[in-house]
Structure formats: structure tokens, C-alpha cells
PDB file of N, CA and C in Angstrom:
ATOM      1  N   UNK A   1       2.054   4.805  15.706  1.00  0.00           N
ATOM      2  CA  UNK A   1       1.688   4.038  14.533  1.00  0.00           C
ATOM      3  C   UNK A   1       0.193   4.245  14.267  1.00  0.00           C
ATOM      4  N   UNK A   2      -0.130   4.414  13.007  1.00  0.00           N
ATOM      5  CA  UNK A   2      -1.529   4.577  12.623  1.00  0.00           C
ATOM      6  C   UNK A   2      -2.066   3.228  12.135  1.00  0.00           C
ATOM      7  N   UNK A   3      -3.192   2.825  12.678  1.00  0.00           N
ATOM      8  CA  UNK A   3      -3.822   1.568  12.292  1.00  0.00           C
ATOM      9  C   UNK A   3      -5.161   1.856  11.622  1.00  0.00           C
ATOM     10  N   UNK A   4      -5.767   0.808  11.054  1.00  0.00           N
ATOM     11  CA  UNK A   4      -7.093   0.984  10.451  1.00  0.00           C
ATOM     12  C   UNK A   4      -8.099   1.449  11.495  1.00  0.00           C
ATOM     13  N   UNK A   5      -7.962   0.949  12.711  1.00  0.00           N
ATOM     14  CA  UNK A   5      -8.880   1.353  13.782  1.00  0.00           C
ATOM     15  C   UNK A   5      -8.737   2.844  14.082  1.00  0.00           C
ATOM     16  N   UNK A   6      -7.496   3.321  14.125  1.00  0.00           N
ATOM     17  CA  UNK A   6      -7.269   4.750  14.371  1.00  0.00           C
ATOM     18  C   UNK A   6      -7.810   5.601  13.228  1.00  0.00           C
ATOM     19  N   UNK A   7      -7.608   5.135  12.016  1.00  0.00           N
ATOM     20  CA  UNK A   7      -8.136   5.857  10.849  1.00  0.00           C
ATOM     21  C   UNK A   7      -9.659   5.906  10.926  1.00  0.00           C
ATOM     22  N   UNK A   8     -10.276   4.784  11.280  1.00  0.00           N
ATOM     23  CA  UNK A   8     -11.740   4.735  11.401  1.00  0.00           C
ATOM     24  C   UNK A   8     -12.247   5.719  12.439  1.00  0.00           C
ATOM     25  N   UNK A   9     -11.571   5.794  13.574  1.00  0.00           N
ATOM     26  CA  UNK A   9     -11.980   6.732  14.631  1.00  0.00           C
ATOM     27  C   UNK A   9     -11.888   8.173  14.137  1.00  0.00           C
ATOM     28  N   UNK A  10     -10.812   8.483  13.428  1.00  0.00           N
ATOM     29  CA  UNK A  10     -10.631   9.843  12.925  1.00  0.00           C
ATOM     30  C   UNK A  10     -11.666  10.183  11.852  1.00  0.00           C
ATOM     31  N   UNK A  11     -11.994   9.209  10.992  1.00  0.00           N
ATOM     32  CA  UNK A  11     -13.026   9.419   9.972  1.00  0.00           C
ATOM     33  C   UNK A  11     -14.368   9.667  10.646  1.00  0.00           C
ATOM     34  N   UNK A  12     -14.698   8.869  11.647  1.00  0.00           N
ATOM     35  CA  UNK A  12     -15.971   9.023  12.369  1.00  0.00           C
ATOM     36  C   UNK A  12     -16.071  10.409  12.993  1.00  0.00           C
ATOM     37  N   UNK A  13     -14.992  10.856  13.596  1.00  0.00           N
ATOM     38  CA  UNK A  13     -14.993  12.173  14.245  1.00  0.00           C
ATOM     39  C   UNK A  13     -15.063  13.298  13.208  1.00  0.00           C
ATOM     40  N   UNK A  14     -14.296  13.146  12.122  1.00  0.00           N
ATOM     41  CA  UNK A  14     -14.194  14.203  11.108  1.00  0.00           C
ATOM     42  C   UNK A  14     -15.511  14.453  10.375  1.00  0.00           C
ATOM     43  N   UNK A  15     -16.206  13.363   9.996  1.00  0.00           N
ATOM     44  CA  UNK A  15     -17.438  13.553   9.222  1.00  0.00           C
ATOM     45  C   UNK A  15     -18.698  13.244  10.034  1.00  0.00           C
ATOM     46  N   UNK A  16     -18.512  13.076  11.340  1.00  0.00           N
ATOM     47  CA  UNK A  16     -19.628  12.922  12.260  1.00  0.00           C
ATOM     48  C   UNK A  16     -20.553  11.743  11.911  1.00  0.00           C
ATOM     49  N   UNK A  17     -19.966  10.562  11.835  1.00  0.00           N
ATOM     50  CA  UNK A  17     -20.740   9.326  11.655  1.00  0.00           C
ATOM     51  C   UNK A  17     -20.364   8.368  12.778  1.00  0.00           C
ATOM     52  N   UNK A  18     -21.095   7.266  12.881  1.00  0.00           N
ATOM     53  CA  UNK A  18     -20.797   6.295  13.942  1.00  0.00           C
ATOM     54  C   UNK A  18     -19.475   5.600  13.658  1.00  0.00           C
ATOM     55  N   UNK A  19     -18.878   5.089  14.725  1.00  0.00           N
ATOM     56  CA  UNK A  19     -17.597   4.394  14.582  1.00  0.00           C
ATOM     57  C   UNK A  19     -17.736   3.136  13.738  1.00  0.00           C
ATOM     58  N   UNK A  20     -18.865   2.437  13.849  1.00  0.00           N
ATOM     59  CA  UNK A  20     -19.049   1.213  13.069  1.00  0.00           C
ATOM     60  C   UNK A  20     -19.173   1.521  11.574  1.00  0.00           C
ATOM     61  N   UNK A  21     -19.872   2.615  11.234  1.00  0.00           N
ATOM     62  CA  UNK A  21     -19.972   3.005   9.821  1.00  0.00           C
ATOM     63  C   UNK A  21     -18.607   3.442   9.287  1.00  0.00           C
ATOM     64  N   UNK A  22     -17.858   4.144  10.112  1.00  0.00           N
ATOM     65  CA  UNK A  22     -16.518   4.571   9.706  1.00  0.00           C
ATOM     66  C   UNK A  22     -15.601   3.361   9.519  1.00  0.00           C
ATOM     67  N   UNK A  23     -15.732   2.372  10.397  1.00  0.00           N
ATOM     68  CA  UNK A  23     -14.929   1.152  10.273  1.00  0.00           C
ATOM     69  C   UNK A  23     -15.292   0.400   8.996  1.00  0.00           C
ATOM     70  N   UNK A  24     -16.591   0.327   8.682  1.00  0.00           N
ATOM     71  CA  UNK A  24     -17.031  -0.309   7.438  1.00  0.00           C
ATOM     72  C   UNK A  24     -16.495   0.430   6.224  1.00  0.00           C
ATOM     73  N   UNK A  25     -16.543   1.755   6.272  1.00  0.00           N
ATOM     74  CA  UNK A  25     -16.018   2.566   5.172  1.00  0.00           C
ATOM     75  C   UNK A  25     -14.527   2.304   4.971  1.00  0.00           C
ATOM     76  N   UNK A  26     -13.767   2.348   6.062  1.00  0.00           N
ATOM     77  CA  UNK A  26     -12.320   2.150   5.983  1.00  0.00           C
ATOM     78  C   UNK A  26     -11.992   0.757   5.450  1.00  0.00           C
ATOM     79  N   UNK A  27     -12.678  -0.251   5.960  1.00  0.00           N
ATOM     80  CA  UNK A  27     -12.456  -1.623   5.519  1.00  0.00           C
ATOM     81  C   UNK A  27     -12.767  -1.759   4.025  1.00  0.00           C
ATOM     82  N   UNK A  28     -13.867  -1.189   3.585  1.00  0.00           N
ATOM     83  CA  UNK A  28     -14.265  -1.258   2.180  1.00  0.00           C
ATOM     84  C   UNK A  28     -13.277  -0.510   1.288  1.00  0.00           C
ATOM     85  N   UNK A  29     -12.818   0.654   1.741  1.00  0.00           N
ATOM     86  CA  UNK A  29     -11.867   1.453   0.970  1.00  0.00           C
ATOM     87  C   UNK A  29     -10.583   0.663   0.715  1.00  0.00           C
ATOM     88  N   UNK A  30     -10.013   0.085   1.764  1.00  0.00           N
ATOM     89  CA  UNK A  30      -8.777  -0.690   1.595  1.00  0.00           C
ATOM     90  C   UNK A  30      -9.005  -1.951   0.764  1.00  0.00           C
ATOM     91  N   UNK A  31     -10.174  -2.561   0.897  1.00  0.00           N
ATOM     92  CA  UNK A  31     -10.499  -3.746   0.105  1.00  0.00           C
ATOM     93  C   UNK A  31     -10.584  -3.391  -1.379  1.00  0.00           C
ATOM     94  N   UNK A  32     -11.194  -2.254  -1.700  1.00  0.00           N
ATOM     95  CA  UNK A  32     -11.298  -1.812  -3.095  1.00  0.00           C
ATOM     96  C   UNK A  32      -9.920  -1.543  -3.693  1.00  0.00           C
ATOM     97  N   UNK A  33      -9.049  -0.907  -2.923  1.00  0.00           N
ATOM     98  CA  UNK A  33      -7.691  -0.664  -3.417  1.00  0.00           C
ATOM     99  C   UNK A  33      -6.958  -1.983  -3.623  1.00  0.00           C
ATOM    100  N   UNK A  34      -7.080  -2.901  -2.674  1.00  0.00           N
ATOM    101  CA  UNK A  34      -6.420  -4.209  -2.798  1.00  0.00           C
ATOM    102  C   UNK A  34      -6.907  -4.966  -4.021  1.00  0.00           C
ATOM    103  N   UNK A  35      -8.210  -4.937  -4.281  1.00  0.00           N
ATOM    104  CA  UNK A  35      -8.757  -5.632  -5.450  1.00  0.00           C
ATOM    105  C   UNK A  35      -8.332  -4.953  -6.745  1.00  0.00           C
ATOM    106  N   UNK A  36      -8.295  -3.630  -6.757  1.00  0.00           N
ATOM    107  CA  UNK A  36      -7.930  -2.894  -7.968  1.00  0.00           C
ATOM    108  C   UNK A  36      -6.464  -3.097  -8.320  1.00  0.00           C
ATOM    109  N   UNK A  37      -5.590  -3.190  -7.329  1.00  0.00           N
ATOM    110  CA  UNK A  37      -4.156  -3.333  -7.589  1.00  0.00           C
ATOM    111  C   UNK A  37      -3.831  -4.687  -8.209  1.00  0.00           C
ATOM    112  N   UNK A  38      -4.759  -5.644  -8.103  1.00  0.00           N
ATOM    113  CA  UNK A  38      -4.555  -6.957  -8.722  1.00  0.00           C
ATOM    114  C   UNK A  38      -4.429  -6.843 -10.238  1.00  0.00           C
ATOM    115  N   UNK A  39      -5.175  -5.906 -10.843  1.00  0.00           N
ATOM    116  CA  UNK A  39      -5.209  -5.834 -12.299  1.00  0.00           C
ATOM    117  C   UNK A  39      -4.526  -4.604 -12.884  1.00  0.00           C
ATOM    118  N   UNK A  40      -4.397  -3.527 -12.109  1.00  0.00           N
ATOM    119  CA  UNK A  40      -3.803  -2.305 -12.660  1.00  0.00           C
ATOM    120  C   UNK A  40      -3.269  -1.428 -11.541  1.00  0.00           C
ATOM    121  N   UNK A  41      -2.553  -0.376 -11.924  1.00  0.00           N
ATOM    122  CA  UNK A  41      -2.051   0.577 -10.940  1.00  0.00           C
ATOM    123  C   UNK A  41      -3.209   1.410 -10.402  1.00  0.00           C
ATOM    124  N   UNK A  42      -3.072   1.869  -9.163  1.00  0.00           N
ATOM    125  CA  UNK A  42      -4.099   2.683  -8.528  1.00  0.00           C
ATOM    126  C   UNK A  42      -3.496   4.053  -8.233  1.00  0.00           C
ATOM    127  N   UNK A  43      -4.094   5.099  -8.816  1.00  0.00           N
ATOM    128  CA  UNK A  43      -3.621   6.453  -8.608  1.00  0.00           C
ATOM    129  C   UNK A  43      -4.684   7.238  -7.852  1.00  0.00           C
ATOM    130  N   UNK A  44      -4.279   7.831  -6.733  1.00  0.00           N
ATOM    131  CA  UNK A  44      -5.166   8.657  -5.936  1.00  0.00           C
ATOM    132  C   UNK A  44      -4.611  10.078  -6.006  1.00  0.00           C
ATOM    133  N   UNK A  45      -5.380  10.963  -6.608  1.00  0.00           N
ATOM    134  CA  UNK A  45      -4.930  12.331  -6.838  1.00  0.00           C
ATOM    135  C   UNK A  45      -4.531  13.000  -5.524  1.00  0.00           C
ATOM    136  N   UNK A  46      -3.442  13.734  -5.570  1.00  0.00           N
ATOM    137  CA  UNK A  46      -2.869  14.458  -4.432  1.00  0.00           C
ATOM    138  C   UNK A  46      -2.431  13.550  -3.294  1.00  0.00           C
ATOM    139  N   UNK A  47      -2.347  12.247  -3.529  1.00  0.00           N
ATOM    140  CA  UNK A  47      -1.863  11.315  -2.512  1.00  0.00           C
ATOM    141  C   UNK A  47      -0.707  10.500  -3.059  1.00  0.00           C
ATOM    142  N   UNK A  48      -0.957   9.734  -4.127  1.00  0.00           N
ATOM    143  CA  UNK A  48       0.118   8.947  -4.708  1.00  0.00           C
ATOM    144  C   UNK A  48      -0.402   7.813  -5.565  1.00  0.00           C
ATOM    145  N   UNK A  49       0.531   6.972  -6.018  1.00  0.00           N
ATOM    146  CA  UNK A  49       0.207   5.872  -6.910  1.00  0.00           C
ATOM    147  C   UNK A  49       0.747   4.560  -6.342  1.00  0.00           C
ATOM    148  N   UNK A  50      -0.113   3.544  -6.325  1.00  0.00           N
ATOM    149  CA  UNK A  50       0.301   2.193  -5.982  1.00  0.00           C
ATOM    150  C   UNK A  50       0.589   1.480  -7.299  1.00  0.00           C
ATOM    151  N   UNK A  51       1.813   0.973  -7.457  1.00  0.00           N
ATOM    152  CA  UNK A  51       2.194   0.327  -8.713  1.00  0.00           C
ATOM    153  C   UNK A  51       2.613  -1.117  -8.465  1.00  0.00           C
ATOM    154  N   UNK A  52       2.230  -1.977  -9.393  1.00  0.00           N
ATOM    155  CA  UNK A  52       2.706  -3.363  -9.378  1.00  0.00           C
ATOM    156  C   UNK A  52       3.867  -3.447 -10.349  1.00  0.00           C
ATOM    157  N   UNK A  53       4.954  -4.061  -9.921  1.00  0.00           N
ATOM    158  CA  UNK A  53       6.086  -4.292 -10.794  1.00  0.00           C
ATOM    159  C   UNK A  53       6.531  -5.730 -10.616  1.00  0.00           C
ATOM    160  N   UNK A  54       7.138  -6.274 -11.656  1.00  0.00           N
ATOM    161  CA  UNK A  54       7.652  -7.636 -11.578  1.00  0.00           C
ATOM    162  C   UNK A  54       9.161  -7.556 -11.443  1.00  0.00           C
ATOM    163  N   UNK A  55       9.687  -8.142 -10.372  1.00  0.00           N
ATOM    164  CA  UNK A  55      11.132  -8.145 -10.181  1.00  0.00           C
ATOM    165  C   UNK A  55      11.754  -9.130 -11.168  1.00  0.00           C
ATOM    166  N   UNK A  56      13.001  -8.887 -11.504  1.00  0.00           N
ATOM    167  CA  UNK A  56      13.687  -9.740 -12.474  1.00  0.00           C
ATOM    168  C   UNK A  56      14.243 -10.981 -11.790  1.00  0.00           C
ATOM    169  N   UNK A  57      14.455 -12.018 -12.574  1.00  0.00           N
ATOM    170  CA  UNK A  57      15.089 -13.232 -12.084  1.00  0.00           C
ATOM    171  C   UNK A  57      16.544 -12.893 -11.796  1.00  0.00           C
ATOM    172  N   UNK A  58      17.032 -13.310 -10.613  1.00  0.00           N
ATOM    173  CA  UNK A  58      18.402 -12.966 -10.258  1.00  0.00           C
ATOM    174  C   UNK A  58      19.031 -14.052  -9.394  1.00  0.00           C
ATOM    175  N   UNK A  59      20.320 -13.916  -9.181  1.00  0.00           N
ATOM    176  CA  UNK A  59      21.048 -14.889  -8.366  1.00  0.00           C
ATOM    177  C   UNK A  59      21.156 -14.350  -6.948  1.00  0.00           C
ATOM    178  N   UNK A  60      20.808 -15.173  -5.976  1.00  0.00           N
ATOM    179  CA  UNK A  60      20.940 -14.830  -4.574  1.00  0.00           C
ATOM    180  C   UNK A  60      22.043 -15.662  -3.951  1.00  0.00           C
ATOM    181  N   UNK A  61      22.482 -15.261  -2.770  1.00  0.00           N
ATOM    182  CA  UNK A  61      23.555 -16.005  -2.118  1.00  0.00           C
ATOM    183  C   UNK A  61      23.272 -16.076  -0.633  1.00  0.00           C
ATOM    184  N   UNK A  62      23.396 -17.291  -0.066  1.00  0.00           N
ATOM    185  CA  UNK A  62      23.255 -17.489   1.368  1.00  0.00           C
ATOM    186  C   UNK A  62      24.536 -16.966   2.023  1.00  0.00           C
ATOM    187  N   UNK A  63      24.438 -15.949   2.888  1.00  0.00           N
ATOM    188  CA  UNK A  63      25.651 -15.369   3.466  1.00  0.00           C
ATOM    189  C   UNK A  63      26.438 -16.311   4.377  1.00  0.00           C
ATOM    190  N   UNK A  64      25.757 -17.285   4.974  1.00  0.00           N
ATOM    191  CA  UNK A  64      26.463 -18.226   5.851  1.00  0.00           C
ATOM    192  C   UNK A  64      27.242 -19.266   5.059  1.00  0.00           C
ATOM    193  N   UNK A  65      26.556 -19.900   4.096  1.00  0.00           N
ATOM    194  CA  UNK A  65      27.179 -21.015   3.362  1.00  0.00           C
ATOM    195  C   UNK A  65      27.807 -20.581   2.051  1.00  0.00           C
ATOM    196  N   UNK A  66      27.553 -19.350   1.624  1.00  0.00           N
ATOM    197  CA  UNK A  66      28.021 -18.804   0.337  1.00  0.00           C
ATOM    198  C   UNK A  66      27.428 -19.570  -0.857  1.00  0.00           C
ATOM    199  N   UNK A  67      26.378 -20.350  -0.609  1.00  0.00           N
ATOM    200  CA  UNK A  67      25.718 -21.117  -1.665  1.00  0.00           C
ATOM    201  C   UNK A  67      24.847 -20.184  -2.506  1.00  0.00           C
ATOM    202  N   UNK A  68      24.946 -20.317  -3.835  1.00  0.00           N
ATOM    203  CA  UNK A  68      24.158 -19.492  -4.753  1.00  0.00           C
ATOM    204  C   UNK A  68      22.865 -20.208  -5.123  1.00  0.00           C
ATOM    205  N   UNK A  69      21.836 -19.442  -5.385  1.00  0.00           N
ATOM    206  CA  UNK A  69      20.561 -19.996  -5.820  1.00  0.00           C
ATOM    207  C   UNK A  69      19.845 -18.954  -6.658  1.00  0.00           C
ATOM    208  N   UNK A  70      18.843 -19.404  -7.404  1.00  0.00           N
ATOM    209  CA  UNK A  70      18.078 -18.524  -8.288  1.00  0.00           C
ATOM    210  C   UNK A  70      16.880 -17.961  -7.527  1.00  0.00           C
ATOM    211  N   UNK A  71      16.687 -16.659  -7.598  1.00  0.00           N
ATOM    212  CA  UNK A  71      15.494 -16.014  -7.042  1.00  0.00           C
ATOM    213  C   UNK A  71      14.565 -15.750  -8.221  1.00  0.00           C
ATOM    214  N   UNK A  72      13.420 -16.403  -8.210  1.00  0.00           N
ATOM    215  CA  UNK A  72      12.468 -16.299  -9.309  1.00  0.00           C
ATOM    216  C   UNK A  72      11.809 -14.920  -9.338  1.00  0.00           C
ATOM    217  N   UNK A  73      11.363 -14.477 -10.507  1.00  0.00           N
ATOM    218  CA  UNK A  73      10.644 -13.197 -10.578  1.00  0.00           C
ATOM    219  C   UNK A  73       9.356 -13.261  -9.764  1.00  0.00           C
ATOM    220  N   UNK A  74       8.973 -12.127  -9.207  1.00  0.00           N
ATOM    221  CA  UNK A  74       7.723 -12.085  -8.442  1.00  0.00           C
ATOM    222  C   UNK A  74       7.112 -10.701  -8.556  1.00  0.00           C
ATOM    223  N   UNK A  75       5.816 -10.633  -8.263  1.00  0.00           N
ATOM    224  CA  UNK A  75       5.126  -9.344  -8.289  1.00  0.00           C
ATOM    225  C   UNK A  75       5.413  -8.607  -6.993  1.00  0.00           C
ATOM    226  N   UNK A  76       5.690  -7.317  -7.118  1.00  0.00           N
ATOM    227  CA  UNK A  76       5.972  -6.490  -5.953  1.00  0.00           C
ATOM    228  C   UNK A  76       5.103  -5.242  -6.014  1.00  0.00           C
ATOM    229  N   UNK A  77       4.829  -4.681  -4.870  1.00  0.00           N
ATOM    230  CA  UNK A  77       3.994  -3.490  -4.788  1.00  0.00           C
ATOM    231  C   UNK A  77       4.848  -2.309  -4.342  1.00  0.00           C
ATOM    232  N   UNK A  78       4.724  -1.195  -5.062  1.00  0.00           N
ATOM    233  CA  UNK A  78       5.448   0.023  -4.741  1.00  0.00           C
ATOM    234  C   UNK A  78       4.456   1.167  -4.573  1.00  0.00           C
ATOM    235  N   UNK A  79       4.808   2.112  -3.727  1.00  0.00           N
ATOM    236  CA  UNK A  79       4.007   3.312  -3.565  1.00  0.00           C
ATOM    237  C   UNK A  79       4.875   4.506  -3.893  1.00  0.00           C
ATOM    238  N   UNK A  80       4.370   5.360  -4.781  1.00  0.00           N
ATOM    239  CA  UNK A  80       5.073   6.589  -5.130  1.00  0.00           C
ATOM    240  C   UNK A  80       4.194   7.747  -4.679  1.00  0.00           C
ATOM    241  N   UNK A  81       4.699   8.525  -3.722  1.00  0.00           N
ATOM    242  CA  UNK A  81       3.941   9.649  -3.177  1.00  0.00           C
ATOM    243  C   UNK A  81       3.850  10.773  -4.202  1.00  0.00           C
ATOM    244  N   UNK A  82       2.722  11.475  -4.198  1.00  0.00           N
ATOM    245  CA  UNK A  82       2.549  12.620  -5.095  1.00  0.00           C
ATOM    246  C   UNK A  82       3.416  13.780  -4.610  1.00  0.00           C
ATOM    247  N   UNK A  83       3.665  14.728  -5.496  1.00  0.00           N
ATOM    248  CA  UNK A  83       4.460  15.900  -5.126  1.00  0.00           C
ATOM    249  C   UNK A  83       3.791  16.696  -4.014  1.00  0.00           C
ATOM    250  N   UNK A  84       2.470  16.779  -4.058  1.00  0.00           N
ATOM    251  CA  UNK A  84       1.739  17.526  -3.022  1.00  0.00           C
ATOM    252  C   UNK A  84       1.927  16.857  -1.649  1.00  0.00           C
ATOM    253  N   UNK A  85       1.883  15.537  -1.605  1.00  0.00           N
ATOM    254  CA  UNK A  85       2.083  14.818  -0.348  1.00  0.00           C
ATOM    255  C   UNK A  85       3.514  15.004   0.143  1.00  0.00           C
ATOM    256  N   UNK A  86       4.480  14.941  -0.771  1.00  0.00           N
ATOM    257  CA  UNK A  86       5.881  15.146  -0.397  1.00  0.00           C
ATOM    258  C   UNK A  86       6.097  16.540   0.172  1.00  0.00           C
ATOM    259  N   UNK A  87       5.496  17.536  -0.456  1.00  0.00           N
ATOM    260  CA  UNK A  87       5.644  18.914   0.045  1.00  0.00           C
ATOM    261  C   UNK A  87       4.999  19.066   1.426  1.00  0.00           C
ATOM    262  N   UNK A  88       3.878  18.383   1.645  1.00  0.00           N
ATOM    263  CA  UNK A  88       3.197  18.449   2.923  1.00  0.00           C
ATOM    264  C   UNK A  88       4.014  17.836   4.046  1.00  0.00           C
ATOM    265  N   UNK A  89       4.815  16.843   3.727  1.00  0.00           N
ATOM    266  CA  UNK A  89       5.651  16.177   4.737  1.00  0.00           C
ATOM    267  C   UNK A  89       6.850  17.049   5.087  1.00  0.00           C
ATOM    268  N   UNK A  90       7.415  17.689   4.070  1.00  0.00           N
ATOM    269  CA  UNK A  90       8.600  18.523   4.304  1.00  0.00           C
ATOM    270  C   UNK A  90       8.134  19.885   4.641  1.00  0.00           C
TER     271      UNK A  90
END
């Protein structure tokens, strides 16, 4: 599993900076994406797009009691990988 700490270590090694500066960079990068996704989609060239979508109001059912209830619409986050990233994986 890749974590922010692992990403920071790899960034520090790759561009030859201190681990603390790399950790600050990584933290700031993810914070900027999180803040930007609040208002609009975020597209990173050759990586992919983070999209916000609103799910529709629908009926849910408790499998144990078979009781039906309404599931209210909510904001959801989706990631769509770029074609270049998909080709790199396959």
C-alpha cells in the first residue's frame, strides 16, 4: 500500500530534497486538490480527472427487515484515469 509518507520519501529521493520539505510538498499538494474539488472538477494531464457528481434520490432496502427507506442525494467523488495512465498499467 502506498501512503502519503511513502510518497513523500520517494519525492525526497527523486528530486533530492529533505524528507520534511517533501512531506510539506505532498501535504500541500493533496490539500490543494481537496480544496479545488469543492468547487470544480480537477484534471491532471496524463494522470486523470477527479469529478464531483450528485447521486440521485433513490429507495433503499434493509436486507434483514426488508424495510424500505429513502436515500437522499449526496455528493460523490469519482476518479477517471487518463488513457496514458491506463496504458501504463496494462
